[in-house]
All heavy atoms as atom14 arrays in JSON, in Angstrom:
{
  "sequence": "NENDTVVNDEIKFGDNDTLGALVANLIDADALVILTDQKGLYTAD",
  "atom14_mask": [
    [1, 1, 1, 1, 1, 1, 1, 1, 0, 0, 0, 0, 0, 0],
    [1, 1, 1, 1, 1, 1, 1, 1, 1, 0, 0, 0, 0, 0],
    [1, 1, 1, 1, 1, 1, 1, 1, 0, 0, 0, 0, 0, 0],
    [1, 1, 1, 1, 1, 1, 1, 1, 0, 0, 0, 0, 0, 0],
    [1, 1, 1, 1, 1, 1, 1, 0, 0, 0, 0, 0, 0, 0],
    [1, 1, 1, 1, 1, 1, 1, 0, 0, 0, 0, 0, 0, 0],
    [1, 1, 1, 1, 1, 1, 1, 0, 0, 0, 0, 0, 0, 0],
    [1, 1, 1, 1, 1, 1, 1, 1, 0, 0, 0, 0, 0, 0],
    [1, 1, 1, 1, 1, 1, 1, 1, 0, 0, 0, 0, 0, 0],
    [1, 1, 1, 1, 1, 1, 1, 1, 1, 0, 0, 0, 0, 0],
    [1, 1, 1, 1, 1, 1, 1, 1, 0, 0, 0, 0, 0, 0],
    [1, 1, 1, 1, 1, 1, 1, 1, 1, 0, 0, 0, 0, 0],
    [1, 1, 1, 1, 1, 1, 1, 1, 1, 1, 1, 0, 0, 0],
    [1, 1, 1, 1, 0, 0, 0, 0, 0, 0, 0, 0, 0, 0],
    [1, 1, 1, 1, 1, 1, 1, 1, 0, 0, 0, 0, 0, 0],
    [1, 1, 1, 1, 1, 1, 1, 1, 0, 0, 0, 0, 0, 0],
    [1, 1, 1, 1, 1, 1, 1, 1, 0, 0, 0, 0, 0, 0],
    [1, 1, 1, 1, 1, 1, 1, 0, 0, 0, 0, 0, 0, 0],
    [1, 1, 1, 1, 1, 1, 1, 1, 0, 0, 0, 0, 0, 0],
    [1, 1, 1, 1, 0, 0, 0, 0, 0, 0, 0, 0, 0, 0],
    [1, 1, 1, 1, 1, 0, 0, 0, 0, 0, 0, 0, 0, 0],
    [1, 1, 1, 1, 1, 1, 1, 1, 0, 0, 0, 0, 0, 0],
    [1, 1, 1, 1, 1, 1, 1, 0, 0, 0, 0, 0, 0, 0],
    [1, 1, 1, 1, 1, 0, 0, 0, 0, 0, 0, 0, 0, 0],
    [1, 1, 1, 1, 1, 1, 1, 1, 0, 0, 0, 0, 0, 0],
    [1, 1, 1, 1, 1, 1, 1, 1, 0, 0, 0, 0, 0, 0],
    [1, 1, 1, 1, 1, 1, 1, 1, 0, 0, 0, 0, 0, 0],
    [1, 1, 1, 1, 1, 1, 1, 1, 0, 0, 0, 0, 0, 0],
    [1, 1, 1, 1, 1, 0, 0, 0, 0, 0, 0, 0, 0, 0],
    [1, 1, 1, 1, 1, 1, 1, 1, 0, 0, 0, 0, 0, 0],
    [1, 1, 1, 1, 1, 0, 0, 0, 0, 0, 0, 0, 0, 0],
    [1, 1, 1, 1, 1, 1, 1, 1, 0, 0, 0, 0, 0, 0],
    [1, 1, 1, 1, 1, 1, 1, 0, 0, 0, 0, 0, 0, 0],
    [1, 1, 1, 1, 1, 1, 1, 1, 0, 0, 0, 0, 0, 0],
    [1, 1, 1, 1, 1, 1, 1, 1, 0, 0, 0, 0, 0, 0],
    [1, 1, 1, 1, 1, 1, 1, 0, 0, 0, 0, 0, 0, 0],
    [1, 1, 1, 1, 1, 1, 1, 1, 0, 0, 0, 0, 0, 0],
    [1, 1, 1, 1, 1, 1, 1, 1, 1, 0, 0, 0, 0, 0],
    [1, 1, 1, 1, 1, 1, 1, 1, 1, 0, 0, 0, 0, 0],
    [1, 1, 1, 1, 0, 0, 0, 0, 0, 0, 0, 0, 0, 0],
    [1, 1, 1, 1, 1, 1, 1, 1, 0, 0, 0, 0, 0, 0],
    [1, 1, 1, 1, 1, 1, 1, 1, 1, 1, 1, 1, 0, 0],
    [1, 1, 1, 1, 1, 1, 1, 0, 0, 0, 0, 0, 0, 0],
    [1, 1, 1, 1, 1, 0, 0, 0, 0, 0, 0, 0, 0, 0],
    [1, 1, 1, 1, 1, 1, 1, 1, 0, 0, 0, 0, 0, 0]
  ],
  "atom14_positions": [
    [[0.87, -1.15, 0.0], [0.04, 0.01, -0.04], [0.86, 1.25, -0.05], [2.09, 1.17, 0.4], [-0.95, -0.04, 1.26], [-2.14, 0.97, 1.05], [-2.22, 1.73, 0.17], [-3.06, 0.93, 2.0], [0.0, 0.0, 0.0], [0.0, 0.0, 0.0], [0.0, 0.0, 0.0], [0.0, 0.0, 0.0], [0.0, 0.0, 0.0], [0.0, 0.0, 0.0]],
    [[0.28, 2.35, -0.41], [1.06, 3.6, -0.39], [1.12, 3.96, 1.14], [0.23, 3.78, 1.93], [0.28, 4.66, -1.1], [1.07, 6.03, -1.08], [0.49, 7.06, -1.96], [-0.57, 6.76, -2.59], [0.97, 8.17, -2.11], [0.0, 0.0, 0.0], [0.0, 0.0, 0.0], [0.0, 0.0, 0.0], [0.0, 0.0, 0.0], [0.0, 0.0, 0.0]],
    [[2.32, 4.44, 1.56], [2.57, 4.75, 2.93], [1.87, 6.17, 3.27], [2.51, 7.14, 3.39], [4.07, 4.87, 3.18], [4.43, 4.88, 4.69], [3.46, 4.93, 5.52], [5.6, 4.9, 5.12], [0.0, 0.0, 0.0], [0.0, 0.0, 0.0], [0.0, 0.0, 0.0], [0.0, 0.0, 0.0], [0.0, 0.0, 0.0], [0.0, 0.0, 0.0]],
    [[0.57, 6.07, 3.5], [-0.22, 7.27, 3.64], [0.02, 7.91, 4.91], [-0.33, 9.1, 5.16], [-1.77, 6.96, 3.51], [-2.2, 6.53, 2.14], [-1.89, 7.31, 1.25], [-2.8, 5.52, 2.01], [0.0, 0.0, 0.0], [0.0, 0.0, 0.0], [0.0, 0.0, 0.0], [0.0, 0.0, 0.0], [0.0, 0.0, 0.0], [0.0, 0.0, 0.0]],
    [[0.76, 7.27, 5.93], [0.98, 7.86, 7.21], [2.02, 8.91, 7.17], [2.21, 9.75, 8.05], [1.45, 6.78, 8.24], [2.56, 6.08, 7.79], [0.19, 5.77, 8.39], [0.0, 0.0, 0.0], [0.0, 0.0, 0.0], [0.0, 0.0, 0.0], [0.0, 0.0, 0.0], [0.0, 0.0, 0.0], [0.0, 0.0, 0.0], [0.0, 0.0, 0.0]],
    [[2.87, 8.88, 6.0], [3.98, 9.84, 5.99], [3.97, 10.75, 4.81], [4.75, 11.76, 4.6], [5.41, 9.24, 6.02], [5.48, 8.38, 7.45], [5.61, 8.26, 4.96], [0.0, 0.0, 0.0], [0.0, 0.0, 0.0], [0.0, 0.0, 0.0], [0.0, 0.0, 0.0], [0.0, 0.0, 0.0], [0.0, 0.0, 0.0], [0.0, 0.0, 0.0]],
    [[3.18, 10.33, 3.68], [3.3, 11.07, 2.5], [2.62, 12.41, 2.62], [1.79, 12.68, 3.48], [2.59, 10.32, 1.27], [3.41, 8.99, 1.06], [1.12, 10.02, 1.55], [0.0, 0.0, 0.0], [0.0, 0.0, 0.0], [0.0, 0.0, 0.0], [0.0, 0.0, 0.0], [0.0, 0.0, 0.0], [0.0, 0.0, 0.0], [0.0, 0.0, 0.0]],
    [[2.98, 13.4, 1.65], [2.35, 14.64, 1.46], [2.05, 14.67, 0.02], [2.31, 13.86, -0.88], [3.15, 15.77, 2.04], [4.47, 15.83, 1.38], [4.63, 15.62, 0.23], [5.47, 16.19, 2.26], [0.0, 0.0, 0.0], [0.0, 0.0, 0.0], [0.0, 0.0, 0.0], [0.0, 0.0, 0.0], [0.0, 0.0, 0.0], [0.0, 0.0, 0.0]],
    [[1.46, 15.97, -0.36], [0.97, 16.03, -1.74], [2.13, 15.98, -2.82], [1.86, 15.65, -3.89], [0.31, 17.52, -1.87], [-0.98, 17.5, -1.36], [-1.66, 16.4, -1.04], [-1.53, 18.59, -0.92], [0.0, 0.0, 0.0], [0.0, 0.0, 0.0], [0.0, 0.0, 0.0], [0.0, 0.0, 0.0], [0.0, 0.0, 0.0], [0.0, 0.0, 0.0]],
    [[3.37, 16.28, -2.31], [4.39, 16.29, -3.3], [4.91, 14.88, -3.67], [5.51, 14.61, -4.71], [5.64, 17.07, -2.74], [5.49, 18.6, -2.77], [4.54, 19.09, -1.83], [4.44, 18.59, -0.67], [3.79, 20.04, -2.22], [0.0, 0.0, 0.0], [0.0, 0.0, 0.0], [0.0, 0.0, 0.0], [0.0, 0.0, 0.0], [0.0, 0.0, 0.0]],
    [[4.72, 13.91, -2.77], [5.16, 12.55, -2.95], [4.19, 11.41, -3.12], [4.47, 10.33, -3.17], [6.25, 12.14, -1.83], [5.62, 12.18, -0.55], [7.48, 13.02, -1.88], [6.45, 11.56, 0.51], [0.0, 0.0, 0.0], [0.0, 0.0, 0.0], [0.0, 0.0, 0.0], [0.0, 0.0, 0.0], [0.0, 0.0, 0.0], [0.0, 0.0, 0.0]],
    [[2.84, 11.85, -3.04], [1.79, 10.88, -3.15], [1.81, 10.31, -4.55], [1.94, 10.93, -5.63], [0.47, 11.48, -2.83], [0.16, 11.61, -1.36], [-1.19, 12.09, -1.04], [-2.19, 11.04, -1.37], [-2.04, 9.86, -0.47], [0.0, 0.0, 0.0], [0.0, 0.0, 0.0], [0.0, 0.0, 0.0], [0.0, 0.0, 0.0], [0.0, 0.0, 0.0]],
    [[1.49, 9.01, -4.67], [1.17, 8.38, -5.98], [-0.14, 9.02, -6.5], [-0.32, 9.16, -7.71], [1.04, 6.88, -5.87], [2.29, 6.21, -5.59], [2.45, 5.56, -4.33], [3.28, 6.13, -6.45], [3.61, 4.83, -4.07], [4.49, 5.4, -6.18], [4.64, 4.75, -4.86], [0.0, 0.0, 0.0], [0.0, 0.0, 0.0], [0.0, 0.0, 0.0]],
    [[-1.03, 9.34, -5.63], [-2.25, 9.86, -6.03], [-3.44, 8.83, -6.07], [-4.52, 9.18, -5.82], [0.0, 0.0, 0.0], [0.0, 0.0, 0.0], [0.0, 0.0, 0.0], [0.0, 0.0, 0.0], [0.0, 0.0, 0.0], [0.0, 0.0, 0.0], [0.0, 0.0, 0.0], [0.0, 0.0, 0.0], [0.0, 0.0, 0.0], [0.0, 0.0, 0.0]],
    [[-3.07, 7.59, -6.36], [-4.09, 6.62, -6.37], [-3.26, 5.27, -6.39], [-2.19, 5.14, -6.92], [-4.99, 6.7, -7.62], [-4.28, 6.62, -8.9], [-4.02, 5.57, -9.36], [-3.98, 7.71, -9.47], [0.0, 0.0, 0.0], [0.0, 0.0, 0.0], [0.0, 0.0, 0.0], [0.0, 0.0, 0.0], [0.0, 0.0, 0.0], [0.0, 0.0, 0.0]],
    [[-3.92, 4.21, -5.97], [-3.29, 2.86, -5.93], [-3.27, 2.26, -7.25], [-2.64, 1.17, -7.41], [-3.9, 2.02, -4.91], [-3.19, 2.24, -3.53], [-2.26, 3.13, -3.36], [-3.67, 1.64, -2.51], [0.0, 0.0, 0.0], [0.0, 0.0, 0.0], [0.0, 0.0, 0.0], [0.0, 0.0, 0.0], [0.0, 0.0, 0.0], [0.0, 0.0, 0.0]],
    [[-4.04, 2.74, -8.26], [-3.89, 2.17, -9.59], [-2.54, 2.5, -10.17], [-1.91, 1.63, -10.69], [-4.96, 2.72, -10.54], [-6.4, 2.45, -10.11], [-6.62, 1.31, -9.72], [-7.3, 3.33, -10.11], [0.0, 0.0, 0.0], [0.0, 0.0, 0.0], [0.0, 0.0, 0.0], [0.0, 0.0, 0.0], [0.0, 0.0, 0.0], [0.0, 0.0, 0.0]],
    [[-2.13, 3.71, -9.91], [-0.78, 4.15, -10.37], [0.21, 3.3, -9.66], [1.3, 2.75, -10.26], [-0.55, 5.59, -10.17], [-1.43, 6.38, -10.84], [0.88, 6.04, -10.49], [0.0, 0.0, 0.0], [0.0, 0.0, 0.0], [0.0, 0.0, 0.0], [0.0, 0.0, 0.0], [0.0, 0.0, 0.0], [0.0, 0.0, 0.0], [0.0, 0.0, 0.0]],
    [[0.04, 3.04, -8.38], [0.99, 2.29, -7.48], [0.98, 0.87, -8.04], [2.2, 0.29, -8.08], [0.52, 2.31, -6.03], [1.41, 1.39, -5.08], [2.76, 1.76, -5.14], [0.81, 1.59, -3.71], [0.0, 0.0, 0.0], [0.0, 0.0, 0.0], [0.0, 0.0, 0.0], [0.0, 0.0, 0.0], [0.0, 0.0, 0.0], [0.0, 0.0, 0.0]],
    [[-0.08, 0.24, -8.44], [-0.11, -1.06, -8.98], [0.71, -1.11, -10.27], [1.48, -2.11, -10.47], [0.0, 0.0, 0.0], [0.0, 0.0, 0.0], [0.0, 0.0, 0.0], [0.0, 0.0, 0.0], [0.0, 0.0, 0.0], [0.0, 0.0, 0.0], [0.0, 0.0, 0.0], [0.0, 0.0, 0.0], [0.0, 0.0, 0.0], [0.0, 0.0, 0.0]],
    [[0.59, -0.13, -11.1], [1.47, -0.09, -12.32], [2.87, 0.04, -12.09], [3.79, -0.59, -12.75], [0.98, 1.03, -13.32], [0.0, 0.0, 0.0], [0.0, 0.0, 0.0], [0.0, 0.0, 0.0], [0.0, 0.0, 0.0], [0.0, 0.0, 0.0], [0.0, 0.0, 0.0], [0.0, 0.0, 0.0], [0.0, 0.0, 0.0], [0.0, 0.0, 0.0]],
    [[3.2, 0.96, -11.04], [4.59, 1.04, -10.79], [5.31, -0.15, -10.12], [6.46, -0.5, -10.49], [4.83, 2.32, -9.77], [4.44, 3.61, -10.37], [4.52, 4.73, -9.25], [5.56, 3.95, -11.36], [0.0, 0.0, 0.0], [0.0, 0.0, 0.0], [0.0, 0.0, 0.0], [0.0, 0.0, 0.0], [0.0, 0.0, 0.0], [0.0, 0.0, 0.0]],
    [[4.46, -0.96, -9.32], [4.94, -2.1, -8.83], [5.15, -3.2, -9.89], [6.11, -3.96, -9.87], [3.94, -2.64, -7.7], [4.19, -4.15, -7.32], [3.99, -1.72, -6.48], [0.0, 0.0, 0.0], [0.0, 0.0, 0.0], [0.0, 0.0, 0.0], [0.0, 0.0, 0.0], [0.0, 0.0, 0.0], [0.0, 0.0, 0.0], [0.0, 0.0, 0.0]],
    [[4.19, -3.23, -10.87], [4.32, -4.15, -12.0], [5.71, -3.88, -12.71], [6.28, -4.81, -13.14], [3.14, -4.08, -13.0], [0.0, 0.0, 0.0], [0.0, 0.0, 0.0], [0.0, 0.0, 0.0], [0.0, 0.0, 0.0], [0.0, 0.0, 0.0], [0.0, 0.0, 0.0], [0.0, 0.0, 0.0], [0.0, 0.0, 0.0], [0.0, 0.0, 0.0]],
    [[5.91, -2.59, -12.94], [7.2, -2.27, -13.58], [8.41, -2.6, -12.66], [9.39, -3.1, -13.18], [7.15, -0.73, -13.88], [6.19, -0.4, -14.97], [5.68, -1.1, -15.64], [5.97, 0.93, -15.01], [0.0, 0.0, 0.0], [0.0, 0.0, 0.0], [0.0, 0.0, 0.0], [0.0, 0.0, 0.0], [0.0, 0.0, 0.0], [0.0, 0.0, 0.0]],
    [[8.26, -2.32, -11.41], [9.41, -2.6, -10.45], [9.85, -4.1, -10.35], [11.03, -4.32, -10.41], [8.82, -2.23, -9.04], [9.81, -2.41, -7.89], [11.07, -1.5, -8.0], [9.15, -2.21, -6.58], [0.0, 0.0, 0.0], [0.0, 0.0, 0.0], [0.0, 0.0, 0.0], [0.0, 0.0, 0.0], [0.0, 0.0, 0.0], [0.0, 0.0, 0.0]],
    [[8.83, -4.96, -10.52], [9.13, -6.39, -10.28], [9.14, -7.16, -11.67], [9.19, -8.43, -11.74], [8.33, -7.13, -9.38], [6.81, -7.05, -9.82], [8.44, -6.53, -7.96], [5.95, -7.97, -9.0], [0.0, 0.0, 0.0], [0.0, 0.0, 0.0], [0.0, 0.0, 0.0], [0.0, 0.0, 0.0], [0.0, 0.0, 0.0], [0.0, 0.0, 0.0]],
    [[8.98, -6.41, -12.76], [8.91, -7.04, -14.17], [7.74, -8.05, -14.2], [7.88, -9.2, -14.65], [10.26, -7.74, -14.44], [11.38, -6.77, -14.56], [11.23, -5.75, -15.02], [12.47, -7.18, -14.07], [0.0, 0.0, 0.0], [0.0, 0.0, 0.0], [0.0, 0.0, 0.0], [0.0, 0.0, 0.0], [0.0, 0.0, 0.0], [0.0, 0.0, 0.0]],
    [[6.54, -7.54, -13.74], [5.41, -8.54, -13.8], [4.9, -8.71, -15.23], [5.19, -7.96, -16.14], [4.25, -7.76, -12.98], [0.0, 0.0, 0.0], [0.0, 0.0, 0.0], [0.0, 0.0, 0.0], [0.0, 0.0, 0.0], [0.0, 0.0, 0.0], [0.0, 0.0, 0.0], [0.0, 0.0, 0.0], [0.0, 0.0, 0.0], [0.0, 0.0, 0.0]],
    [[4.37, -9.87, -15.38], [3.81, -10.21, -16.67], [2.37, -9.57, -16.87], [2.05, -9.26, -17.95], [3.66, -11.79, -16.8], [5.05, -12.5, -16.79], [5.91, -12.2, -17.58], [5.18, -13.28, -15.74], [0.0, 0.0, 0.0], [0.0, 0.0, 0.0], [0.0, 0.0, 0.0], [0.0, 0.0, 0.0], [0.0, 0.0, 0.0], [0.0, 0.0, 0.0]],
    [[1.7, -9.4, -15.84], [0.34, -8.98, -15.99], [-0.05, -8.16, -14.68], [0.41, -8.4, -13.55], [-0.65, -10.04, -16.16], [0.0, 0.0, 0.0], [0.0, 0.0, 0.0], [0.0, 0.0, 0.0], [0.0, 0.0, 0.0], [0.0, 0.0, 0.0], [0.0, 0.0, 0.0], [0.0, 0.0, 0.0], [0.0, 0.0, 0.0], [0.0, 0.0, 0.0]],
    [[-0.95, -7.21, -14.86], [-1.6, -6.35, -13.78], [-3.05, -6.6, -13.86], [-3.71, -6.39, -14.85], [-1.21, -4.83, -13.94], [-1.91, -3.94, -13.16], [-1.63, -4.09, -11.69], [-1.75, -2.45, -13.53], [0.0, 0.0, 0.0], [0.0, 0.0, 0.0], [0.0, 0.0, 0.0], [0.0, 0.0, 0.0], [0.0, 0.0, 0.0], [0.0, 0.0, 0.0]],
    [[-3.56, -7.03, -12.71], [-5.12, -7.11, -12.62], [-5.61, -6.02, -11.74], [-5.17, -5.98, -10.54], [-5.55, -8.52, -12.07], [-7.06, -8.61, -12.04], [-4.91, -9.62, -13.04], [0.0, 0.0, 0.0], [0.0, 0.0, 0.0], [0.0, 0.0, 0.0], [0.0, 0.0, 0.0], [0.0, 0.0, 0.0], [0.0, 0.0, 0.0], [0.0, 0.0, 0.0]],
    [[-6.45, -5.21, -12.24], [-7.15, -4.21, -11.36], [-8.57, -4.52, -11.11], [-9.46, -4.64, -11.94], [-7.07, -2.84, -12.15], [-5.69, -2.39, -12.3], [-7.85, -1.78, -11.26], [-5.59, -1.09, -13.09], [0.0, 0.0, 0.0], [0.0, 0.0, 0.0], [0.0, 0.0, 0.0], [0.0, 0.0, 0.0], [0.0, 0.0, 0.0], [0.0, 0.0, 0.0]],
    [[-8.79, -4.93, -9.88], [-10.15, -5.41, -9.46], [-10.88, -4.17, -8.89], [-10.41, -3.48, -8.04], [-10.09, -6.37, -8.36], [-9.42, -7.79, -8.79], [-9.53, -8.76, -7.61], [-10.08, -8.48, -10.0], [0.0, 0.0, 0.0], [0.0, 0.0, 0.0], [0.0, 0.0, 0.0], [0.0, 0.0, 0.0], [0.0, 0.0, 0.0], [0.0, 0.0, 0.0]],
    [[-12.11, -3.92, -9.45], [-12.83, -2.74, -9.2], [-14.29, -3.08, -8.94], [-14.67, -4.29, -8.95], [-12.66, -1.71, -10.31], [-13.35, -0.45, -9.97], [-13.12, -2.29, -11.76], [0.0, 0.0, 0.0], [0.0, 0.0, 0.0], [0.0, 0.0, 0.0], [0.0, 0.0, 0.0], [0.0, 0.0, 0.0], [0.0, 0.0, 0.0], [0.0, 0.0, 0.0]],
    [[-15.12, -2.11, -8.69], [-16.49, -2.27, -8.49], [-17.3, -2.1, -9.77], [-18.54, -1.97, -9.73], [-17.01, -1.28, -7.4], [-16.77, 0.09, -7.71], [-16.13, 0.44, -8.74], [-17.17, 0.96, -6.97], [0.0, 0.0, 0.0], [0.0, 0.0, 0.0], [0.0, 0.0, 0.0], [0.0, 0.0, 0.0], [0.0, 0.0, 0.0], [0.0, 0.0, 0.0]],
    [[-16.63, -2.04, -10.88], [-17.25, -2.05, -12.22], [-16.85, -3.3, -12.96], [-15.79, -3.91, -12.78], [-16.9, -0.81, -12.96], [-17.25, 0.44, -12.22], [-17.07, 1.72, -13.04], [-17.31, 1.85, -14.17], [-16.3, 2.66, -12.31], [0.0, 0.0, 0.0], [0.0, 0.0, 0.0], [0.0, 0.0, 0.0], [0.0, 0.0, 0.0], [0.0, 0.0, 0.0]],
    [[-17.74, -3.58, -14.04], [-17.4, -4.84, -14.84], [-16.14, -4.68, -15.6], [-15.47, -5.67, -16.13], [-18.55, -5.09, -15.7], [-19.83, -5.63, -14.98], [-19.71, -6.94, -14.36], [-21.06, -7.37, -13.77], [-20.97, -8.75, -13.22], [0.0, 0.0, 0.0], [0.0, 0.0, 0.0], [0.0, 0.0, 0.0], [0.0, 0.0, 0.0], [0.0, 0.0, 0.0]],
    [[-15.79, -3.4, -15.98], [-14.56, -3.21, -16.9], [-14.76, -1.65, -17.4], [-15.56, -0.92, -16.79], [0.0, 0.0, 0.0], [0.0, 0.0, 0.0], [0.0, 0.0, 0.0], [0.0, 0.0, 0.0], [0.0, 0.0, 0.0], [0.0, 0.0, 0.0], [0.0, 0.0, 0.0], [0.0, 0.0, 0.0], [0.0, 0.0, 0.0], [0.0, 0.0, 0.0]],
    [[-14.16, -1.48, -18.55], [-14.33, -0.23, -19.17], [-15.43, -0.26, -20.2], [-15.54, -1.23, -20.93], [-12.9, 0.13, -19.95], [-12.96, 1.3, -20.83], [-13.16, 2.57, -20.04], [-11.79, 1.35, -21.68], [0.0, 0.0, 0.0], [0.0, 0.0, 0.0], [0.0, 0.0, 0.0], [0.0, 0.0, 0.0], [0.0, 0.0, 0.0], [0.0, 0.0, 0.0]],
    [[-16.29, 0.75, -20.06], [-17.35, 0.88, -20.98], [-17.08, 2.0, -21.97], [-16.26, 2.91, -21.75], [-18.73, 1.23, -20.25], [-19.3, -0.11, -19.56], [-18.78, -0.48, -18.29], [-20.35, -0.77, -20.17], [-19.3, -1.61, -17.67], [-20.8, -1.97, -19.55], [-20.25, -2.29, -18.34], [-20.74, -3.4, -17.68], [0.0, 0.0, 0.0], [0.0, 0.0, 0.0]],
    [[-17.78, 2.0, -23.17], [-17.65, 3.04, -24.14], [-18.05, 4.39, -23.61], [-17.72, 5.36, -24.12], [-18.47, 2.72, -25.39], [-19.76, 2.32, -25.0], [-17.86, 1.49, -26.03], [0.0, 0.0, 0.0], [0.0, 0.0, 0.0], [0.0, 0.0, 0.0], [0.0, 0.0, 0.0], [0.0, 0.0, 0.0], [0.0, 0.0, 0.0], [0.0, 0.0, 0.0]],
    [[-18.88, 4.37, -22.6], [-19.27, 5.64, -21.92], [-19.71, 5.26, -20.5], [-19.78, 4.02, -20.24], [-20.43, 6.3, -22.63], [0.0, 0.0, 0.0], [0.0, 0.0, 0.0], [0.0, 0.0, 0.0], [0.0, 0.0, 0.0], [0.0, 0.0, 0.0], [0.0, 0.0, 0.0], [0.0, 0.0, 0.0], [0.0, 0.0, 0.0], [0.0, 0.0, 0.0]],
    [[-19.95, 6.23, -19.66], [-20.41, 5.95, -18.19], [-21.76, 5.13, -18.18], [-22.76, 5.88, -18.6], [-20.44, 7.21, -17.43], [-20.65, 6.93, -15.92], [-21.18, 5.86, -15.71], [-20.36, 7.89, -15.23], [0.0, 0.0, 0.0], [0.0, 0.0, 0.0], [0.0, 0.0, 0.0], [0.0, 0.0, 0.0], [0.0, 0.0, 0.0], [0.0, 0.0, 0.0]]
  ]
}
């Protein structure tokens, strides 16, 4: 998780989706799965 207990606006990832992507890059992951409360991406809201 992002270390929300010490971060400020200058060093925040801003969201854990970005953190997930950065971790995928960090460890050379083959895939990133983002589990959300929606079925996926729609052509519109």
